């Protein structure tokens, strides 16, 4: 499986920190651990969701402040 490296990319308030150790169990797609640039809260996203603009555009923890 060819996985696009998302490390270091920014999506809204989140920066991709690293790839999660396990893939999404159903389809085998890569998951990425992201961290809010404002408060440091972490969230895991599927790579395709990040690339197709389907992610939280505001951090639930700090509301992007």
PDB file of N, CA and C in Angstrom:
ATOM      1  N   UNK A   1       0.834  -1.177   0.000  1.00  0.00           N
ATOM      2  CA  UNK A   1       0.000   0.000   0.000  1.00  0.00           C
ATOM      3  C   UNK A   1       0.881   1.243   0.000  1.00  0.00           C
ATOM      4  N   UNK A   2       0.605   2.174  -0.891  1.00  0.00           N
ATOM      5  CA  UNK A   2       1.366   3.401  -1.021  1.00  0.00           C
ATOM      6  C   UNK A   2       0.726   4.476  -0.145  1.00  0.00           C
ATOM      7  N   UNK A   3       1.410   4.930   0.894  1.00  0.00           N
ATOM      8  CA  UNK A   3       0.871   5.900   1.846  1.00  0.00           C
ATOM      9  C   UNK A   3       1.550   7.246   1.642  1.00  0.00           C
ATOM     10  N   UNK A   4       0.738   8.303   1.486  1.00  0.00           N
ATOM     11  CA  UNK A   4       1.284   9.653   1.373  1.00  0.00           C
ATOM     12  C   UNK A   4       1.675  10.139   2.756  1.00  0.00           C
ATOM     13  N   UNK A   5       2.869  10.660   2.886  1.00  0.00           N
ATOM     14  CA  UNK A   5       3.349  11.147   4.176  1.00  0.00           C
ATOM     15  C   UNK A   5       2.722  12.503   4.475  1.00  0.00           C
ATOM     16  N   UNK A   6       1.964  12.564   5.551  1.00  0.00           N
ATOM     17  CA  UNK A   6       1.287  13.796   5.952  1.00  0.00           C
ATOM     18  C   UNK A   6       2.024  14.530   7.071  1.00  0.00           C
ATOM     19  N   UNK A   7       3.096  13.968   7.569  1.00  0.00           N
ATOM     20  CA  UNK A   7       3.825  14.554   8.711  1.00  0.00           C
ATOM     21  C   UNK A   7       4.225  15.999   8.437  1.00  0.00           C
ATOM     22  N   UNK A   8       3.923  16.865   9.417  1.00  0.00           N
ATOM     23  CA  UNK A   8       4.307  18.266   9.320  1.00  0.00           C
ATOM     24  C   UNK A   8       3.315  19.149   8.587  1.00  0.00           C
ATOM     25  N   UNK A   9       2.330  18.578   7.919  1.00  0.00           N
ATOM     26  CA  UNK A   9       1.348  19.380   7.187  1.00  0.00           C
ATOM     27  C   UNK A   9       0.310  19.941   8.145  1.00  0.00           C
ATOM     28  N   UNK A  10      -0.218  21.098   7.800  1.00  0.00           N
ATOM     29  CA  UNK A  10      -1.209  21.753   8.650  1.00  0.00           C
ATOM     30  C   UNK A  10      -2.576  21.694   7.992  1.00  0.00           C
ATOM     31  N   UNK A  11      -3.573  21.322   8.799  1.00  0.00           N
ATOM     32  CA  UNK A  11      -4.965  21.264   8.366  1.00  0.00           C
ATOM     33  C   UNK A  11      -5.792  22.006   9.403  1.00  0.00           C
ATOM     34  N   UNK A  12      -6.223  23.223   9.063  1.00  0.00           N
ATOM     35  CA  UNK A  12      -6.959  24.043  10.025  1.00  0.00           C
ATOM     36  C   UNK A  12      -6.076  24.310  11.233  1.00  0.00           C
ATOM     37  N   UNK A  13      -6.598  24.070  12.456  1.00  0.00           N
ATOM     38  CA  UNK A  13      -5.797  24.324  13.647  1.00  0.00           C
ATOM     39  C   UNK A  13      -4.859  23.173  13.994  1.00  0.00           C
ATOM     40  N   UNK A  14      -4.842  22.129  13.184  1.00  0.00           N
ATOM     41  CA  UNK A  14      -4.062  20.935  13.502  1.00  0.00           C
ATOM     42  C   UNK A  14      -2.827  20.777  12.614  1.00  0.00           C
ATOM     43  N   UNK A  15      -1.749  20.311  13.231  1.00  0.00           N
ATOM     44  CA  UNK A  15      -0.537  19.934  12.510  1.00  0.00           C
ATOM     45  C   UNK A  15      -0.370  18.432  12.689  1.00  0.00           C
ATOM     46  N   UNK A  16      -0.052  17.736  11.603  1.00  0.00           N
ATOM     47  CA  UNK A  16       0.138  16.292  11.672  1.00  0.00           C
ATOM     48  C   UNK A  16       1.474  16.012  12.352  1.00  0.00           C
ATOM     49  N   UNK A  17       1.410  15.262  13.452  1.00  0.00           N
ATOM     50  CA  UNK A  17       2.601  14.957  14.231  1.00  0.00           C
ATOM     51  C   UNK A  17       3.290  13.704  13.703  1.00  0.00           C
ATOM     52  N   UNK A  18       2.506  12.643  13.551  1.00  0.00           N
ATOM     53  CA  UNK A  18       3.074  11.378  13.074  1.00  0.00           C
ATOM     54  C   UNK A  18       1.956  10.436  12.668  1.00  0.00           C
ATOM     55  N   UNK A  19       2.334   9.346  12.047  1.00  0.00           N
ATOM     56  CA  UNK A  19       1.373   8.327  11.663  1.00  0.00           C
ATOM     57  C   UNK A  19       1.023   7.470  12.882  1.00  0.00           C
ATOM     58  N   UNK A  20      -0.243   7.144  13.022  1.00  0.00           N
ATOM     59  CA  UNK A  20      -0.672   6.266  14.107  1.00  0.00           C
ATOM     60  C   UNK A  20      -0.142   4.864  13.843  1.00  0.00           C
ATOM     61  N   UNK A  21       0.094   4.111  14.896  1.00  0.00           N
ATOM     62  CA  UNK A  21       0.683   2.782  14.745  1.00  0.00           C
ATOM     63  C   UNK A  21      -0.228   1.802  14.030  1.00  0.00           C
ATOM     64  N   UNK A  22      -1.525   1.946  14.214  1.00  0.00           N
ATOM     65  CA  UNK A  22      -2.453   1.024  13.559  1.00  0.00           C
ATOM     66  C   UNK A  22      -3.246   1.745  12.484  1.00  0.00           C
ATOM     67  N   UNK A  23      -3.595   1.027  11.447  1.00  0.00           N
ATOM     68  CA  UNK A  23      -4.425   1.576  10.383  1.00  0.00           C
ATOM     69  C   UNK A  23      -5.889   1.441  10.756  1.00  0.00           C
ATOM     70  N   UNK A  24      -6.742   2.110  10.008  1.00  0.00           N
ATOM     71  CA  UNK A  24      -8.170   1.977  10.203  1.00  0.00           C
ATOM     72  C   UNK A  24      -8.536   0.536   9.880  1.00  0.00           C
ATOM     73  N   UNK A  25      -9.166  -0.189  10.811  1.00  0.00           N
ATOM     74  CA  UNK A  25      -9.337  -1.631  10.654  1.00  0.00           C
ATOM     75  C   UNK A  25     -10.160  -2.080   9.457  1.00  0.00           C
ATOM     76  N   UNK A  26     -11.144  -1.318   9.025  1.00  0.00           N
ATOM     77  CA  UNK A  26     -12.030  -1.784   7.958  1.00  0.00           C
ATOM     78  C   UNK A  26     -11.359  -1.710   6.589  1.00  0.00           C
ATOM     79  N   UNK A  27     -10.833  -0.555   6.234  1.00  0.00           N
ATOM     80  CA  UNK A  27     -10.287  -0.378   4.888  1.00  0.00           C
ATOM     81  C   UNK A  27      -8.770  -0.412   4.832  1.00  0.00           C
ATOM     82  N   UNK A  28      -8.097  -0.364   5.985  1.00  0.00           N
ATOM     83  CA  UNK A  28      -6.646  -0.373   5.996  1.00  0.00           C
ATOM     84  C   UNK A  28      -6.030   0.973   5.678  1.00  0.00           C
ATOM     85  N   UNK A  29      -6.841   2.042   5.690  1.00  0.00           N
ATOM     86  CA  UNK A  29      -6.304   3.369   5.390  1.00  0.00           C
ATOM     87  C   UNK A  29      -5.486   3.896   6.567  1.00  0.00           C
ATOM     88  N   UNK A  30      -4.507   4.718   6.267  1.00  0.00           N
ATOM     89  CA  UNK A  30      -3.599   5.246   7.285  1.00  0.00           C
ATOM     90  C   UNK A  30      -4.304   6.271   8.160  1.00  0.00           C
ATOM     91  N   UNK A  31      -3.976   6.239   9.449  1.00  0.00           N
ATOM     92  CA  UNK A  31      -4.477   7.228  10.395  1.00  0.00           C
ATOM     93  C   UNK A  31      -3.306   8.082  10.861  1.00  0.00           C
ATOM     94  N   UNK A  32      -3.593   9.350  11.146  1.00  0.00           N
ATOM     95  CA  UNK A  32      -2.556  10.301  11.519  1.00  0.00           C
ATOM     96  C   UNK A  32      -2.912  11.003  12.816  1.00  0.00           C
ATOM     97  N   UNK A  33      -1.930  11.159  13.695  1.00  0.00           N
ATOM     98  CA  UNK A  33      -2.121  11.866  14.949  1.00  0.00           C
ATOM     99  C   UNK A  33      -1.815  13.337  14.699  1.00  0.00           C
ATOM    100  N   UNK A  34      -2.810  14.179  14.993  1.00  0.00           N
ATOM    101  CA  UNK A  34      -2.689  15.615  14.771  1.00  0.00           C
ATOM    102  C   UNK A  34      -2.731  16.340  16.108  1.00  0.00           C
ATOM    103  N   UNK A  35      -2.098  17.503  16.166  1.00  0.00           N
ATOM    104  CA  UNK A  35      -2.044  18.274  17.398  1.00  0.00           C
ATOM    105  C   UNK A  35      -2.455  19.712  17.121  1.00  0.00           C
ATOM    106  N   UNK A  36      -3.310  20.254  17.989  1.00  0.00           N
ATOM    107  CA  UNK A  36      -3.756  21.637  17.856  1.00  0.00           C
ATOM    108  C   UNK A  36      -2.574  22.576  18.100  1.00  0.00           C
ATOM    109  N   UNK A  37      -2.429  23.567  17.237  1.00  0.00           N
ATOM    110  CA  UNK A  37      -1.313  24.508  17.378  1.00  0.00           C
ATOM    111  C   UNK A  37      -1.546  25.494  18.518  1.00  0.00           C
ATOM    112  N   UNK A  38      -2.782  25.612  18.982  1.00  0.00           N
ATOM    113  CA  UNK A  38      -3.113  26.574  20.026  1.00  0.00           C
ATOM    114  C   UNK A  38      -3.003  25.993  21.433  1.00  0.00           C
ATOM    115  N   UNK A  39      -3.534  24.774  21.632  1.00  0.00           N
ATOM    116  CA  UNK A  39      -3.574  24.236  22.995  1.00  0.00           C
ATOM    117  C   UNK A  39      -2.851  22.895  23.148  1.00  0.00           C
ATOM    118  N   UNK A  40      -2.465  22.264  22.049  1.00  0.00           N
ATOM    119  CA  UNK A  40      -1.729  21.011  22.115  1.00  0.00           C
ATOM    120  C   UNK A  40      -2.597  19.767  22.183  1.00  0.00           C
ATOM    121  N   UNK A  41      -3.927  19.922  22.116  1.00  0.00           N
ATOM    122  CA  UNK A  41      -4.830  18.764  22.141  1.00  0.00           C
ATOM    123  C   UNK A  41      -4.560  17.889  20.922  1.00  0.00           C
ATOM    124  N   UNK A  42      -4.648  16.571  21.110  1.00  0.00           N
ATOM    125  CA  UNK A  42      -4.383  15.643  20.017  1.00  0.00           C
ATOM    126  C   UNK A  42      -5.662  14.977  19.536  1.00  0.00           C
ATOM    127  N   UNK A  43      -5.696  14.704  18.237  1.00  0.00           N
ATOM    128  CA  UNK A  43      -6.834  14.060  17.602  1.00  0.00           C
ATOM    129  C   UNK A  43      -6.300  13.189  16.483  1.00  0.00           C
ATOM    130  N   UNK A  44      -6.943  12.068  16.240  1.00  0.00           N
ATOM    131  CA  UNK A  44      -6.519  11.153  15.182  1.00  0.00           C
ATOM    132  C   UNK A  44      -7.488  11.249  14.011  1.00  0.00           C
ATOM    133  N   UNK A  45      -6.937  11.369  12.810  1.00  0.00           N
ATOM    134  CA  UNK A  45      -7.733  11.462  11.593  1.00  0.00           C
ATOM    135  C   UNK A  45      -7.257  10.439  10.572  1.00  0.00           C
ATOM    136  N   UNK A  46      -8.172  10.034   9.706  1.00  0.00           N
ATOM    137  CA  UNK A  46      -7.841   9.199   8.555  1.00  0.00           C
ATOM    138  C   UNK A  46      -7.260  10.122   7.487  1.00  0.00           C
ATOM    139  N   UNK A  47      -6.203   9.684   6.824  1.00  0.00           N
ATOM    140  CA  UNK A  47      -5.509  10.516   5.840  1.00  0.00           C
ATOM    141  C   UNK A  47      -6.399  11.089   4.758  1.00  0.00           C
ATOM    142  N   UNK A  48      -7.308  10.294   4.212  1.00  0.00           N
ATOM    143  CA  UNK A  48      -8.195  10.784   3.155  1.00  0.00           C
ATOM    144  C   UNK A  48      -9.086  11.914   3.652  1.00  0.00           C
ATOM    145  N   UNK A  49      -9.526  11.845   4.894  1.00  0.00           N
ATOM    146  CA  UNK A  49     -10.366  12.909   5.436  1.00  0.00           C
ATOM    147  C   UNK A  49      -9.595  14.216   5.513  1.00  0.00           C
ATOM    148  N   UNK A  50      -8.333  14.143   5.884  1.00  0.00           N
ATOM    149  CA  UNK A  50      -7.511  15.352   5.928  1.00  0.00           C
ATOM    150  C   UNK A  50      -7.363  15.958   4.540  1.00  0.00           C
ATOM    151  N   UNK A  51      -7.005  15.140   3.584  1.00  0.00           N
ATOM    152  CA  UNK A  51      -6.739  15.641   2.234  1.00  0.00           C
ATOM    153  C   UNK A  51      -7.987  16.176   1.539  1.00  0.00           C
ATOM    154  N   UNK A  52      -9.159  15.654   1.897  1.00  0.00           N
ATOM    155  CA  UNK A  52     -10.397  16.100   1.256  1.00  0.00           C
ATOM    156  C   UNK A  52     -11.166  17.096   2.120  1.00  0.00           C
ATOM    157  N   UNK A  53     -10.439  17.774   3.023  1.00  0.00           N
ATOM    158  CA  UNK A  53     -10.978  18.887   3.805  1.00  0.00           C
ATOM    159  C   UNK A  53     -12.123  18.469   4.729  1.00  0.00           C
ATOM    160  N   UNK A  54     -12.096  17.231   5.215  1.00  0.00           N
ATOM    161  CA  UNK A  54     -13.144  16.732   6.097  1.00  0.00           C
ATOM    162  C   UNK A  54     -12.553  16.499   7.492  1.00  0.00           C
ATOM    163  N   UNK A  55     -12.275  17.580   8.204  1.00  0.00           N
ATOM    164  CA  UNK A  55     -11.691  17.535   9.535  1.00  0.00           C
ATOM    165  C   UNK A  55     -12.288  18.678  10.339  1.00  0.00           C
ATOM    166  N   UNK A  56     -12.079  18.684  11.648  1.00  0.00           N
ATOM    167  CA  UNK A  56     -12.594  19.749  12.501  1.00  0.00           C
ATOM    168  C   UNK A  56     -11.831  21.037  12.193  1.00  0.00           C
ATOM    169  N   UNK A  57     -12.538  22.055  11.765  1.00  0.00           N
ATOM    170  CA  UNK A  57     -11.886  23.313  11.434  1.00  0.00           C
ATOM    171  C   UNK A  57     -11.692  24.187  12.665  1.00  0.00           C
ATOM    172  N   UNK A  58     -12.117  23.652  13.817  1.00  0.00           N
ATOM    173  CA  UNK A  58     -11.956  24.344  15.079  1.00  0.00           C
ATOM    174  C   UNK A  58     -11.729  23.290  16.159  1.00  0.00           C
ATOM    175  N   UNK A  59     -10.752  23.498  17.004  1.00  0.00           N
ATOM    176  CA  UNK A  59     -10.438  22.561  18.079  1.00  0.00           C
ATOM    177  C   UNK A  59     -11.555  22.585  19.124  1.00  0.00           C
ATOM    178  N   UNK A  60     -12.022  21.404  19.537  1.00  0.00           N
ATOM    179  CA  UNK A  60     -13.076  21.331  20.554  1.00  0.00           C
ATOM    180  C   UNK A  60     -12.574  21.792  21.922  1.00  0.00           C
ATOM    181  N   UNK A  61     -11.305  21.621  22.163  1.00  0.00           N
ATOM    182  CA  UNK A  61     -10.726  21.948  23.475  1.00  0.00           C
ATOM    183  C   UNK A  61     -10.586  23.456  23.700  1.00  0.00           C
ATOM    184  N   UNK A  62     -10.150  24.174  22.700  1.00  0.00           N
ATOM    185  CA  UNK A  62      -9.857  25.594  22.899  1.00  0.00           C
ATOM    186  C   UNK A  62     -10.599  26.521  21.928  1.00  0.00           C
ATOM    187  N   UNK A  63     -11.372  25.966  21.033  1.00  0.00           N
ATOM    188  CA  UNK A  63     -12.096  26.728  20.016  1.00  0.00           C
ATOM    189  C   UNK A  63     -11.166  27.573  19.138  1.00  0.00           C
ATOM    190  N   UNK A  64      -9.920  27.143  19.009  1.00  0.00           N
ATOM    191  CA  UNK A  64      -8.966  27.822  18.140  1.00  0.00           C
ATOM    192  C   UNK A  64      -8.378  29.089  18.718  1.00  0.00           C
ATOM    193  N   UNK A  65      -8.393  29.202  20.024  1.00  0.00           N
ATOM    194  CA  UNK A  65      -7.850  30.414  20.664  1.00  0.00           C
ATOM    195  C   UNK A  65      -6.484  30.162  21.211  1.00  0.00           C
TER     196      UNK A  65
END
